[in-house]
Amino acid sequence: MVDAVKAGVMFTKHPTTGADISLIEAAWGLGEGVVSGNVTPDTYEVGLNGKPESVRIASKETMYIRGKTDKTIVEPVPANKKTARVLSDEELKKTHNLGPVIQKHYRPPQAHD
């Protein structure tokens, strides 16, 4: 696991509508909180041009971090980050642009049932 300051999940196609946009969810700290559904992430819909079409900023109350003994711990999000946007437009574009590279490597979009 990467000792991240911010992390999340990206879908290269909208998982609900199938639209050709990237859906990116991100929160402060490790990705474990986003993947487990235990934190409420910011949600970004990014168009084919790499620009955000929709940005929903969540009130982020807790974050997962790597503790001193390398165990994951949950702590409160600092007050100045609770309603702060996690990813900038530039970070969204870079993340979105990685999607086709990853998808080409793994072939079809990865999904689970």
PDB file of N, CA and C in Angstrom:
ATOM      1  N   MET A   1       0.849  -1.171   0.000  1.00  0.00           N
ATOM      2  CA  MET A   1       0.000   0.000   0.000  1.00  0.00           C
ATOM      3  C   MET A   1       0.899   1.240   0.000  1.00  0.00           C
ATOM      4  N   VAL A   2       0.526   2.226  -0.782  1.00  0.00           N
ATOM      5  CA  VAL A   2       1.252   3.481  -0.850  1.00  0.00           C
ATOM      6  C   VAL A   2       0.865   4.347   0.348  1.00  0.00           C
ATOM      7  N   ASP A   3       1.853   4.931   1.007  1.00  0.00           N
ATOM      8  CA  ASP A   3       1.599   5.828   2.128  1.00  0.00           C
ATOM      9  C   ASP A   3       1.180   7.178   1.555  1.00  0.00           C
ATOM     10  N   ALA A   4      -0.090   7.303   1.233  1.00  0.00           N
ATOM     11  CA  ALA A   4      -0.599   8.437   0.469  1.00  0.00           C
ATOM     12  C   ALA A   4      -1.121   9.567   1.341  1.00  0.00           C
ATOM     13  N   VAL A   5      -0.985  10.785   0.824  1.00  0.00           N
ATOM     14  CA  VAL A   5      -1.580  11.963   1.438  1.00  0.00           C
ATOM     15  C   VAL A   5      -3.032  12.082   0.994  1.00  0.00           C
ATOM     16  N   LYS A   6      -3.295  11.642  -0.241  1.00  0.00           N
ATOM     17  CA  LYS A   6      -4.648  11.593  -0.802  1.00  0.00           C
ATOM     18  C   LYS A   6      -4.712  10.401  -1.730  1.00  0.00           C
ATOM     19  N   ALA A   7      -5.884   9.802  -1.807  1.00  0.00           N
ATOM     20  CA  ALA A   7      -6.031   8.586  -2.611  1.00  0.00           C
ATOM     21  C   ALA A   7      -7.487   8.389  -2.987  1.00  0.00           C
ATOM     22  N   GLY A   8      -7.718   7.438  -3.878  1.00  0.00           N
ATOM     23  CA  GLY A   8      -9.093   7.182  -4.275  1.00  0.00           C
ATOM     24  C   GLY A   8      -9.225   6.080  -5.287  1.00  0.00           C
ATOM     25  N   VAL A   9     -10.320   6.158  -6.046  1.00  0.00           N
ATOM     26  CA  VAL A   9     -10.693   5.138  -7.021  1.00  0.00           C
ATOM     27  C   VAL A   9     -11.089   5.859  -8.311  1.00  0.00           C
ATOM     28  N   MET A  10     -10.716   5.265  -9.460  1.00  0.00           N
ATOM     29  CA  MET A  10     -11.125   5.826 -10.745  1.00  0.00           C
ATOM     30  C   MET A  10     -11.811   4.748 -11.573  1.00  0.00           C
ATOM     31  N   PHE A  11     -12.920   5.120 -12.184  1.00  0.00           N
ATOM     32  CA  PHE A  11     -13.609   4.286 -13.167  1.00  0.00           C
ATOM     33  C   PHE A  11     -13.423   4.968 -14.512  1.00  0.00           C
ATOM     34  N   THR A  12     -12.995   4.228 -15.544  1.00  0.00           N
ATOM     35  CA  THR A  12     -12.770   4.836 -16.855  1.00  0.00           C
ATOM     36  C   THR A  12     -14.055   4.981 -17.654  1.00  0.00           C
ATOM     37  N   LYS A  13     -15.112   4.372 -17.194  1.00  0.00           N
ATOM     38  CA  LYS A  13     -16.472   4.572 -17.710  1.00  0.00           C
ATOM     39  C   LYS A  13     -17.358   4.732 -16.486  1.00  0.00           C
ATOM     40  N   HIS A  14     -18.360   5.576 -16.615  1.00  0.00           N
ATOM     41  CA  HIS A  14     -19.251   5.796 -15.467  1.00  0.00           C
ATOM     42  C   HIS A  14     -19.880   4.459 -15.089  1.00  0.00           C
ATOM     43  N   PRO A  15     -19.720   4.004 -13.837  1.00  0.00           N
ATOM     44  CA  PRO A  15     -20.198   2.674 -13.451  1.00  0.00           C
ATOM     45  C   PRO A  15     -21.709   2.513 -13.456  1.00  0.00           C
ATOM     46  N   THR A  16     -22.447   3.599 -13.390  1.00  0.00           N
ATOM     47  CA  THR A  16     -23.905   3.520 -13.385  1.00  0.00           C
ATOM     48  C   THR A  16     -24.493   3.726 -14.767  1.00  0.00           C
ATOM     49  N   THR A  17     -23.997   4.741 -15.478  1.00  0.00           N
ATOM     50  CA  THR A  17     -24.582   5.095 -16.771  1.00  0.00           C
ATOM     51  C   THR A  17     -23.837   4.519 -17.968  1.00  0.00           C
ATOM     52  N   GLY A  18     -22.564   4.133 -17.778  1.00  0.00           N
ATOM     53  CA  GLY A  18     -21.754   3.636 -18.888  1.00  0.00           C
ATOM     54  C   GLY A  18     -21.217   4.745 -19.775  1.00  0.00           C
ATOM     55  N   ALA A  19     -21.441   5.994 -19.395  1.00  0.00           N
ATOM     56  CA  ALA A  19     -20.980   7.135 -20.195  1.00  0.00           C
ATOM     57  C   ALA A  19     -19.456   7.147 -20.283  1.00  0.00           C
ATOM     58  N   ASP A  20     -18.951   7.693 -21.381  1.00  0.00           N
ATOM     59  CA  ASP A  20     -17.508   7.789 -21.602  1.00  0.00           C
ATOM     60  C   ASP A  20     -16.910   8.964 -20.841  1.00  0.00           C
ATOM     61  N   ILE A  21     -17.012   8.898 -19.537  1.00  0.00           N
ATOM     62  CA  ILE A  21     -16.366   9.871 -18.665  1.00  0.00           C
ATOM     63  C   ILE A  21     -15.661   9.086 -17.571  1.00  0.00           C
ATOM     64  N   SER A  22     -14.633   9.687 -17.005  1.00  0.00           N
ATOM     65  CA  SER A  22     -13.991   9.071 -15.842  1.00  0.00           C
ATOM     66  C   SER A  22     -14.727   9.527 -14.598  1.00  0.00           C
ATOM     67  N   LEU A  23     -15.004   8.601 -13.720  1.00  0.00           N
ATOM     68  CA  LEU A  23     -15.569   8.917 -12.416  1.00  0.00           C
ATOM     69  C   LEU A  23     -14.451   8.688 -11.410  1.00  0.00           C
ATOM     70  N   ILE A  24     -14.062   9.726 -10.718  1.00  0.00           N
ATOM     71  CA  ILE A  24     -12.949   9.649  -9.775  1.00  0.00           C
ATOM     72  C   ILE A  24     -13.457  10.048  -8.398  1.00  0.00           C
ATOM     73  N   GLU A  25     -13.184   9.204  -7.406  1.00  0.00           N
ATOM     74  CA  GLU A  25     -13.530   9.497  -6.025  1.00  0.00           C
ATOM     75  C   GLU A  25     -12.217   9.596  -5.251  1.00  0.00           C
ATOM     76  N   ALA A  26     -12.077  10.633  -4.429  1.00  0.00           N
ATOM     77  CA  ALA A  26     -10.826  10.843  -3.714  1.00  0.00           C
ATOM     78  C   ALA A  26     -11.077  11.409  -2.327  1.00  0.00           C
ATOM     79  N   ALA A  27     -10.204  11.031  -1.399  1.00  0.00           N
ATOM     80  CA  ALA A  27     -10.286  11.515  -0.026  1.00  0.00           C
ATOM     81  C   ALA A  27      -8.875  11.687   0.514  1.00  0.00           C
ATOM     82  N   TRP A  28      -8.765  12.334   1.651  1.00  0.00           N
ATOM     83  CA  TRP A  28      -7.474  12.510   2.305  1.00  0.00           C
ATOM     84  C   TRP A  28      -7.005  11.188   2.899  1.00  0.00           C
ATOM     85  N   GLY A  29      -5.719  10.947   2.874  1.00  0.00           N
ATOM     86  CA  GLY A  29      -5.136   9.761   3.482  1.00  0.00           C
ATOM     87  C   GLY A  29      -5.075   8.591   2.523  1.00  0.00           C
ATOM     88  N   LEU A  30      -5.050   7.404   3.079  1.00  0.00           N
ATOM     89  CA  LEU A  30      -4.935   6.164   2.311  1.00  0.00           C
ATOM     90  C   LEU A  30      -6.231   5.848   1.576  1.00  0.00           C
ATOM     91  N   GLY A  31      -6.121   5.075   0.521  1.00  0.00           N
ATOM     92  CA  GLY A  31      -7.285   4.698  -0.277  1.00  0.00           C
ATOM     93  C   GLY A  31      -8.217   3.714   0.403  1.00  0.00           C
ATOM     94  N   GLU A  32      -7.754   3.089   1.463  1.00  0.00           N
ATOM     95  CA  GLU A  32      -8.561   2.077   2.150  1.00  0.00           C
ATOM     96  C   GLU A  32      -9.928   2.607   2.574  1.00  0.00           C
ATOM     97  N   GLY A  33      -9.979   3.842   3.032  1.00  0.00           N
ATOM     98  CA  GLY A  33     -11.256   4.420   3.465  1.00  0.00           C
ATOM     99  C   GLY A  33     -12.245   4.573   2.331  1.00  0.00           C
ATOM    100  N   VAL A  34     -11.753   4.950   1.137  1.00  0.00           N
ATOM    101  CA  VAL A  34     -12.628   5.107  -0.032  1.00  0.00           C
ATOM    102  C   VAL A  34     -13.099   3.746  -0.504  1.00  0.00           C
ATOM    103  N   VAL A  35     -12.167   2.808  -0.642  1.00  0.00           N
ATOM    104  CA  VAL A  35     -12.493   1.472  -1.162  1.00  0.00           C
ATOM    105  C   VAL A  35     -13.476   0.751  -0.246  1.00  0.00           C
ATOM    106  N   SER A  36     -13.298   0.894   1.065  1.00  0.00           N
ATOM    107  CA  SER A  36     -14.179   0.209   2.024  1.00  0.00           C
ATOM    108  C   SER A  36     -15.535   0.898   2.168  1.00  0.00           C
ATOM    109  N   GLY A  37     -15.625   2.144   1.702  1.00  0.00           N
ATOM    110  CA  GLY A  37     -16.863   2.891   1.863  1.00  0.00           C
ATOM    111  C   GLY A  37     -17.006   3.519   3.234  1.00  0.00           C
ATOM    112  N   ASN A  38     -15.934   3.538   4.015  1.00  0.00           N
ATOM    113  CA  ASN A  38     -15.998   4.085   5.364  1.00  0.00           C
ATOM    114  C   ASN A  38     -15.756   5.583   5.449  1.00  0.00           C
ATOM    115  N   VAL A  39     -15.332   6.203   4.343  1.00  0.00           N
ATOM    116  CA  VAL A  39     -15.220   7.658   4.294  1.00  0.00           C
ATOM    117  C   VAL A  39     -16.041   8.155   3.104  1.00  0.00           C
ATOM    118  N   THR A  40     -16.510   9.375   3.189  1.00  0.00           N
ATOM    119  CA  THR A  40     -17.241   9.969   2.082  1.00  0.00           C
ATOM    120  C   THR A  40     -16.251  10.775   1.251  1.00  0.00           C
ATOM    121  N   PRO A  41     -15.978  10.338   0.012  1.00  0.00           N
ATOM    122  CA  PRO A  41     -14.987  11.028  -0.813  1.00  0.00           C
ATOM    123  C   PRO A  41     -15.593  12.165  -1.634  1.00  0.00           C
ATOM    124  N   ASP A  42     -14.714  13.026  -2.148  1.00  0.00           N
ATOM    125  CA  ASP A  42     -15.123  13.951  -3.197  1.00  0.00           C
ATOM    126  C   ASP A  42     -15.386  13.117  -4.437  1.00  0.00           C
ATOM    127  N   THR A  43     -16.285  13.565  -5.293  1.00  0.00           N
ATOM    128  CA  THR A  43     -16.608  12.847  -6.530  1.00  0.00           C
ATOM    129  C   THR A  43     -16.441  13.792  -7.711  1.00  0.00           C
ATOM    130  N   TYR A  44     -15.687  13.325  -8.702  1.00  0.00           N
ATOM    131  CA  TYR A  44     -15.402  14.126  -9.886  1.00  0.00           C
ATOM    132  C   TYR A  44     -15.787  13.330 -11.129  1.00  0.00           C
ATOM    133  N   GLU A  45     -16.491  13.965 -12.049  1.00  0.00           N
ATOM    134  CA  GLU A  45     -16.763  13.377 -13.356  1.00  0.00           C
ATOM    135  C   GLU A  45     -15.914  14.152 -14.350  1.00  0.00           C
ATOM    136  N   VAL A  46     -15.043  13.437 -15.065  1.00  0.00           N
ATOM    137  CA  VAL A  46     -14.079  14.073 -15.959  1.00  0.00           C
ATOM    138  C   VAL A  46     -14.373  13.652 -17.391  1.00  0.00           C
ATOM    139  N   GLY A  47     -14.543  14.640 -18.273  1.00  0.00           N
ATOM    140  CA  GLY A  47     -14.857  14.376 -19.670  1.00  0.00           C
ATOM    141  C   GLY A  47     -13.663  13.882 -20.462  1.00  0.00           C
ATOM    142  N   LEU A  48     -13.904  13.510 -21.697  1.00  0.00           N
ATOM    143  CA  LEU A  48     -12.850  12.984 -22.566  1.00  0.00           C
ATOM    144  C   LEU A  48     -11.697  13.965 -22.749  1.00  0.00           C
ATOM    145  N   ASN A  49     -11.971  15.250 -22.611  1.00  0.00           N
ATOM    146  CA  ASN A  49     -10.940  16.268 -22.755  1.00  0.00           C
ATOM    147  C   ASN A  49     -10.092  16.446 -21.497  1.00  0.00           C
ATOM    148  N   GLY A  50     -10.399  15.691 -20.443  1.00  0.00           N
ATOM    149  CA  GLY A  50      -9.646  15.767 -19.198  1.00  0.00           C
ATOM    150  C   GLY A  50     -10.090  16.874 -18.261  1.00  0.00           C
ATOM    151  N   LYS A  51     -11.171  17.568 -18.627  1.00  0.00           N
ATOM    152  CA  LYS A  51     -11.671  18.652 -17.778  1.00  0.00           C
ATOM    153  C   LYS A  51     -12.854  18.163 -16.944  1.00  0.00           C
ATOM    154  N   PRO A  52     -12.938  18.607 -15.685  1.00  0.00           N
ATOM    155  CA  PRO A  52     -14.054  18.181 -14.843  1.00  0.00           C
ATOM    156  C   PRO A  52     -15.395  18.712 -15.353  1.00  0.00           C
ATOM    157  N   GLU A  53     -16.363  17.813 -15.460  1.00  0.00           N
ATOM    158  CA  GLU A  53     -17.724  18.194 -15.843  1.00  0.00           C
ATOM    159  C   GLU A  53     -18.594  18.365 -14.610  1.00  0.00           C
ATOM    160  N   SER A  54     -18.227  17.681 -13.535  1.00  0.00           N
ATOM    161  CA  SER A  54     -18.975  17.750 -12.290  1.00  0.00           C
ATOM    162  C   SER A  54     -18.001  17.558 -11.135  1.00  0.00           C
ATOM    163  N   VAL A  55     -18.131  18.397 -10.114  1.00  0.00           N
ATOM    164  CA  VAL A  55     -17.285  18.300  -8.916  1.00  0.00           C
ATOM    165  C   VAL A  55     -18.197  18.371  -7.705  1.00  0.00           C
ATOM    166  N   ARG A  56     -18.180  17.317  -6.892  1.00  0.00           N
ATOM    167  CA  ARG A  56     -18.961  17.304  -5.647  1.00  0.00           C
ATOM    168  C   ARG A  56     -17.989  17.142  -4.485  1.00  0.00           C
ATOM    169  N   ILE A  57     -17.907  18.176  -3.665  1.00  0.00           N
ATOM    170  CA  ILE A  57     -16.996  18.174  -2.531  1.00  0.00           C
ATOM    171  C   ILE A  57     -17.741  17.661  -1.301  1.00  0.00           C
ATOM    172  N   ALA A  58     -17.206  16.619  -0.700  1.00  0.00           N
ATOM    173  CA  ALA A  58     -17.832  16.012   0.480  1.00  0.00           C
ATOM    174  C   ALA A  58     -17.293  16.661   1.750  1.00  0.00           C
ATOM    175  N   SER A  59     -18.052  16.528   2.807  1.00  0.00           N
ATOM    176  CA  SER A  59     -17.546  16.880   4.129  1.00  0.00           C
ATOM    177  C   SER A  59     -16.836  15.637   4.646  1.00  0.00           C
ATOM    178  N   LYS A  60     -15.531  15.712   4.711  1.00  0.00           N
ATOM    179  CA  LYS A  60     -14.718  14.553   5.045  1.00  0.00           C
ATOM    180  C   LYS A  60     -14.377  14.589   6.536  1.00  0.00           C
ATOM    181  N   GLU A  61     -14.908  13.648   7.287  1.00  0.00           N
ATOM    182  CA  GLU A  61     -14.762  13.656   8.737  1.00  0.00           C
ATOM    183  C   GLU A  61     -13.578  12.823   9.232  1.00  0.00           C
ATOM    184  N   THR A  62     -13.335  11.688   8.601  1.00  0.00           N
ATOM    185  CA  THR A  62     -12.244  10.820   9.035  1.00  0.00           C
ATOM    186  C   THR A  62     -11.358  10.444   7.854  1.00  0.00           C
ATOM    187  N   MET A  63     -10.120  10.046   8.174  1.00  0.00           N
ATOM    188  CA  MET A  63      -9.178   9.609   7.157  1.00  0.00           C
ATOM    189  C   MET A  63      -8.351   8.455   7.699  1.00  0.00           C
ATOM    190  N   TYR A  64      -7.926   7.589   6.792  1.00  0.00           N
ATOM    191  CA  TYR A  64      -7.067   6.465   7.147  1.00  0.00           C
ATOM    192  C   TYR A  64      -5.624   6.883   6.888  1.00  0.00           C
ATOM    193  N   ILE A  65      -4.753   6.635   7.860  1.00  0.00           N
ATOM    194  CA  ILE A  65      -3.340   6.942   7.685  1.00  0.00           C
ATOM    195  C   ILE A  65      -2.501   5.760   8.172  1.00  0.00           C
ATOM    196  N   ARG A  66      -1.236   5.771   7.790  1.00  0.00           N
ATOM    197  CA  ARG A  66      -0.307   4.737   8.266  1.00  0.00           C
ATOM    198  C   ARG A  66       0.220   5.182   9.621  1.00  0.00           C
ATOM    199  N   GLY A  67       0.022   4.330  10.614  1.00  0.00           N
ATOM    200  CA  GLY A  67       0.475   4.641  11.961  1.00  0.00           C
ATOM    201  C   GLY A  67       1.963   4.381  12.133  1.00  0.00           C
ATOM    202  N   LYS A  68       2.472   4.707  13.287  1.00  0.00           N
ATOM    203  CA  LYS A  68       3.907   4.559  13.577  1.00  0.00           C
ATOM    204  C   LYS A  68       4.376   3.115  13.519  1.00  0.00           C
ATOM    205  N   THR A  69       3.478   2.168  13.758  1.00  0.00           N
ATOM    206  CA  THR A  69       3.855   0.749  13.704  1.00  0.00           C
ATOM    207  C   THR A  69       3.444   0.116  12.375  1.00  0.00           C
ATOM    208  N   ASP A  70       3.222   0.968  11.353  1.00  0.00           N
ATOM    209  CA  ASP A  70       2.821   0.537  10.011  1.00  0.00           C
ATOM    210  C   ASP A  70       1.417  -0.040   9.938  1.00  0.00           C
ATOM    211  N   LYS A  71       0.641   0.073  10.996  1.00  0.00           N
ATOM    212  CA  LYS A  71      -0.758  -0.349  10.953  1.00  0.00           C
ATOM    213  C   LYS A  71      -1.606   0.842  10.521  1.00  0.00           C
ATOM    214  N   THR A  72      -2.695   0.543   9.828  1.00  0.00           N
ATOM    215  CA  THR A  72      -3.604   1.594   9.394  1.00  0.00           C
ATOM    216  C   THR A  72      -4.435   2.055  10.581  1.00  0.00           C
ATOM    217  N   ILE A  73      -4.506   3.370  10.744  1.00  0.00           N
ATOM    218  CA  ILE A  73      -5.329   3.924  11.818  1.00  0.00           C
ATOM    219  C   ILE A  73      -6.287   4.965  11.222  1.00  0.00           C
ATOM    220  N   VAL A  74      -7.363   5.206  11.925  1.00  0.00           N
ATOM    221  CA  VAL A  74      -8.358   6.194  11.506  1.00  0.00           C
ATOM    222  C   VAL A  74      -8.220   7.396  12.430  1.00  0.00           C
ATOM    223  N   GLU A  75      -8.177   8.582  11.821  1.00  0.00           N
ATOM    224  CA  GLU A  75      -8.111   9.794  12.633  1.00  0.00           C
ATOM    225  C   GLU A  75      -8.995  10.867  12.016  1.00  0.00           C
ATOM    226  N   PRO A  76      -9.344  11.885  12.778  1.00  0.00           N
ATOM    227  CA  PRO A  76     -10.168  12.966  12.239  1.00  0.00           C
ATOM    228  C   PRO A  76      -9.406  13.741  11.157  1.00  0.00           C
ATOM    229  N   VAL A  77     -10.132  14.191  10.162  1.00  0.00           N
ATOM    230  CA  VAL A  77      -9.551  15.057   9.143  1.00  0.00           C
ATOM    231  C   VAL A  77      -9.323  16.426   9.788  1.00  0.00           C
ATOM    232  N   PRO A  78      -8.144  17.042   9.566  1.00  0.00           N
ATOM    233  CA  PRO A  78      -7.920  18.385  10.115  1.00  0.00           C
ATOM    234  C   PRO A  78      -9.019  19.353   9.647  1.00  0.00           C
ATOM    235  N   ALA A  79      -9.392  20.270  10.501  1.00  0.00           N
ATOM    236  CA  ALA A  79     -10.500  21.187  10.224  1.00  0.00           C
ATOM    237  C   ALA A  79     -10.348  21.907   8.890  1.00  0.00           C
ATOM    238  N   ASN A  80      -9.136  22.301   8.532  1.00  0.00           N
ATOM    239  CA  ASN A  80      -8.929  23.054   7.288  1.00  0.00           C
ATOM    240  C   ASN A  80      -9.044  22.195   6.035  1.00  0.00           C
ATOM    241  N   LYS A  81      -9.150  20.869   6.200  1.00  0.00           N
ATOM    242  CA  LYS A  81      -9.275  19.974   5.040  1.00  0.00           C
ATOM    243  C   LYS A  81     -10.656  19.320   4.925  1.00  0.00           C
ATOM    244  N   LYS A  82     -11.503  19.467   5.930  1.00  0.00           N
ATOM    245  CA  LYS A  82     -12.793  18.773   5.930  1.00  0.00           C
ATOM    246  C   LYS A  82     -13.639  19.077   4.701  1.00  0.00           C
ATOM    247  N   THR A  83     -13.688  20.316   4.300  1.00  0.00           N
ATOM    248  CA  THR A  83     -14.494  20.676   3.133  1.00  0.00           C
ATOM    249  C   THR A  83     -13.622  21.178   1.981  1.00  0.00           C
ATOM    250  N   ALA A  84     -12.312  20.954   2.086  1.00  0.00           N
ATOM    251  CA  ALA A  84     -11.394  21.352   1.008  1.00  0.00           C
ATOM    252  C   ALA A  84     -11.423  20.322  -0.112  1.00  0.00           C
ATOM    253  N   ARG A  85     -11.297  20.786  -1.312  1.00  0.00           N
ATOM    254  CA  ARG A  85     -11.243  19.917  -2.488  1.00  0.00           C
ATOM    255  C   ARG A  85      -9.953  19.098  -2.436  1.00  0.00           C
ATOM    256  N   VAL A  86     -10.070  17.787  -2.638  1.00  0.00           N
ATOM    257  CA  VAL A  86      -8.907  16.898  -2.553  1.00  0.00           C
ATOM    258  C   VAL A  86      -8.039  16.986  -3.808  1.00  0.00           C
ATOM    259  N   LEU A  87      -8.628  16.939  -4.992  1.00  0.00           N
ATOM    260  CA  LEU A  87      -7.854  16.929  -6.233  1.00  0.00           C
ATOM    261  C   LEU A  87      -8.043  18.226  -7.019  1.00  0.00           C
ATOM    262  N   SER A  88      -6.941  18.777  -7.497  1.00  0.00           N
ATOM    263  CA  SER A  88      -6.987  19.962  -8.347  1.00  0.00           C
ATOM    264  C   SER A  88      -7.369  19.547  -9.769  1.00  0.00           C
ATOM    265  N   ASP A  89      -7.699  20.525 -10.597  1.00  0.00           N
ATOM    266  CA  ASP A  89      -7.998  20.223 -12.004  1.00  0.00           C
ATOM    267  C   ASP A  89      -6.810  19.538 -12.681  1.00  0.00           C
ATOM    268  N   GLU A  90      -5.589  19.974 -12.374  1.00  0.00           N
ATOM    269  CA  GLU A  90      -4.393  19.375 -12.976  1.00  0.00           C
ATOM    270  C   GLU A  90      -4.228  17.915 -12.530  1.00  0.00           C
ATOM    271  N   GLU A  91      -4.457  17.630 -11.249  1.00  0.00           N
ATOM    272  CA  GLU A  91      -4.380  16.250 -10.762  1.00  0.00           C
ATOM    273  C   GLU A  91      -5.453  15.382 -11.401  1.00  0.00           C
ATOM    274  N   LEU A  92      -6.650  15.945 -11.582  1.00  0.00           N
ATOM    275  CA  LEU A  92      -7.725  15.202 -12.243  1.00  0.00           C
ATOM    276  C   LEU A  92      -7.342  14.855 -13.675  1.00  0.00           C
ATOM    277  N   LYS A  93      -6.787  15.808 -14.389  1.00  0.00           N
ATOM    278  CA  LYS A  93      -6.400  15.572 -15.777  1.00  0.00           C
ATOM    279  C   LYS A  93      -5.323  14.486 -15.863  1.00  0.00           C
ATOM    280  N   LYS A  94      -4.314  14.550 -14.998  1.00  0.00           N
ATOM    281  CA  LYS A  94      -3.247  13.539 -14.992  1.00  0.00           C
ATOM    282  C   LYS A  94      -3.812  12.157 -14.672  1.00  0.00           C
ATOM    283  N   THR A  95      -4.697  12.097 -13.689  1.00  0.00           N
ATOM    284  CA  THR A  95      -5.297  10.818 -13.309  1.00  0.00           C
ATOM    285  C   THR A  95      -6.156  10.283 -14.450  1.00  0.00           C
ATOM    286  N   HIS A  96      -6.994  11.139 -15.016  1.00  0.00           N
ATOM    287  CA  HIS A  96      -7.843  10.760 -16.145  1.00  0.00           C
ATOM    288  C   HIS A  96      -6.997  10.233 -17.310  1.00  0.00           C
ATOM    289  N   ASN A  97      -5.881  10.892 -17.606  1.00  0.00           N
ATOM    290  CA  ASN A  97      -5.021  10.477 -18.722  1.00  0.00           C
ATOM    291  C   ASN A  97      -4.340   9.136 -18.484  1.00  0.00           C
ATOM    292  N   LEU A  98      -4.202   8.727 -17.241  1.00  0.00           N
ATOM    293  CA  LEU A  98      -3.646   7.400 -16.941  1.00  0.00           C
ATOM    294  C   LEU A  98      -4.657   6.288 -17.215  1.00  0.00           C
ATOM    295  N   GLY A  99      -5.936   6.611 -17.184  1.00  0.00           N
ATOM    296  CA  GLY A  99      -6.992   5.611 -17.377  1.00  0.00           C
ATOM    297  C   GLY A  99      -6.828   4.788 -18.635  1.00  0.00           C
ATOM    298  N   PRO A 100      -6.703   5.397 -19.827  1.00  0.00           N
ATOM    299  CA  PRO A 100      -6.546   4.612 -21.057  1.00  0.00           C
ATOM    300  C   PRO A 100      -5.286   3.750 -21.072  1.00  0.00           C
ATOM    301  N   VAL A 101      -4.221   4.225 -20.439  1.00  0.00           N
ATOM    302  CA  VAL A 101      -2.975   3.457 -20.370  1.00  0.00           C
ATOM    303  C   VAL A 101      -3.196   2.177 -19.559  1.00  0.00           C
ATOM    304  N   ILE A 102      -3.836   2.339 -18.416  1.00  0.00           N
ATOM    305  CA  ILE A 102      -4.134   1.184 -17.550  1.00  0.00           C
ATOM    306  C   ILE A 102      -5.120   0.250 -18.242  1.00  0.00           C
ATOM    307  N   GLN A 103      -6.138   0.826 -18.853  1.00  0.00           N
ATOM    308  CA  GLN A 103      -7.156   0.013 -19.537  1.00  0.00           C
ATOM    309  C   GLN A 103      -6.546  -0.772 -20.699  1.00  0.00           C
ATOM    310  N   LYS A 104      -5.628  -0.156 -21.435  1.00  0.00           N
ATOM    311  CA  LYS A 104      -4.969  -0.844 -22.545  1.00  0.00           C
ATOM    312  C   LYS A 104      -4.166  -2.037 -22.026  1.00  0.00           C
ATOM    313  N   HIS A 105      -3.515  -1.863 -20.895  1.00  0.00           N
ATOM    314  CA  HIS A 105      -2.720  -2.949 -20.314  1.00  0.00           C
ATOM    315  C   HIS A 105      -3.601  -4.125 -19.868  1.00  0.00           C
ATOM    316  N   TYR A 106      -4.719  -3.815 -19.215  1.00  0.00           N
ATOM    317  CA  TYR A 106      -5.583  -4.870 -18.674  1.00  0.00           C
ATOM    318  C   TYR A 106      -6.715  -5.264 -19.624  1.00  0.00           C
ATOM    319  N   ARG A 107      -6.765  -4.646 -20.789  1.00  0.00           N
ATOM    320  CA  ARG A 107      -7.789  -4.867 -21.823  1.00  0.00           C
ATOM    321  C   ARG A 107      -9.106  -4.226 -21.428  1.00  0.00           C
ATOM    322  N   PRO A 108     -10.178  -4.992 -21.288  1.00  0.00           N
ATOM    323  CA  PRO A 108     -11.463  -4.316 -21.019  1.00  0.00           C
ATOM    324  C   PRO A 108     -11.462  -3.690 -19.637  1.00  0.00           C
ATOM    325  N   PRO A 109     -12.364  -2.747 -19.421  1.00  0.00           N
ATOM    326  CA  PRO A 109     -12.469  -2.173 -18.078  1.00  0.00           C
ATOM    327  C   PRO A 109     -12.638  -3.267 -17.027  1.00  0.00           C
ATOM    328  N   GLN A 110     -11.999  -3.096 -15.908  1.00  0.00           N
ATOM    329  CA  GLN A 110     -12.075  -4.079 -14.831  1.00  0.00           C
ATOM    330  C   GLN A 110     -13.344  -3.839 -14.041  1.00  0.00           C
ATOM    331  N   ALA A 111     -14.025  -4.900 -13.693  1.00  0.00           N
ATOM    332  CA  ALA A 111     -15.269  -4.784 -12.949  1.00  0.00           C
ATOM    333  C   ALA A 111     -15.413  -5.973 -12.019  1.00  0.00           C
ATOM    334  N   HIS A 112     -16.306  -5.848 -11.082  1.00  0.00           N
ATOM    335  CA  HIS A 112     -16.629  -6.978 -10.212  1.00  0.00           C
ATOM    336  C   HIS A 112     -18.130  -7.089 -10.100  1.00  0.00           C
ATOM    337  N   ASP A 113     -18.607  -8.264  -9.784  1.00  0.00           N
ATOM    338  CA  ASP A 113     -20.053  -8.498  -9.608  1.00  0.00           C
ATOM    339  C   ASP A 113     -20.350  -8.832  -8.174  1.00  0.00           C
TER     340      ASP A 113
END
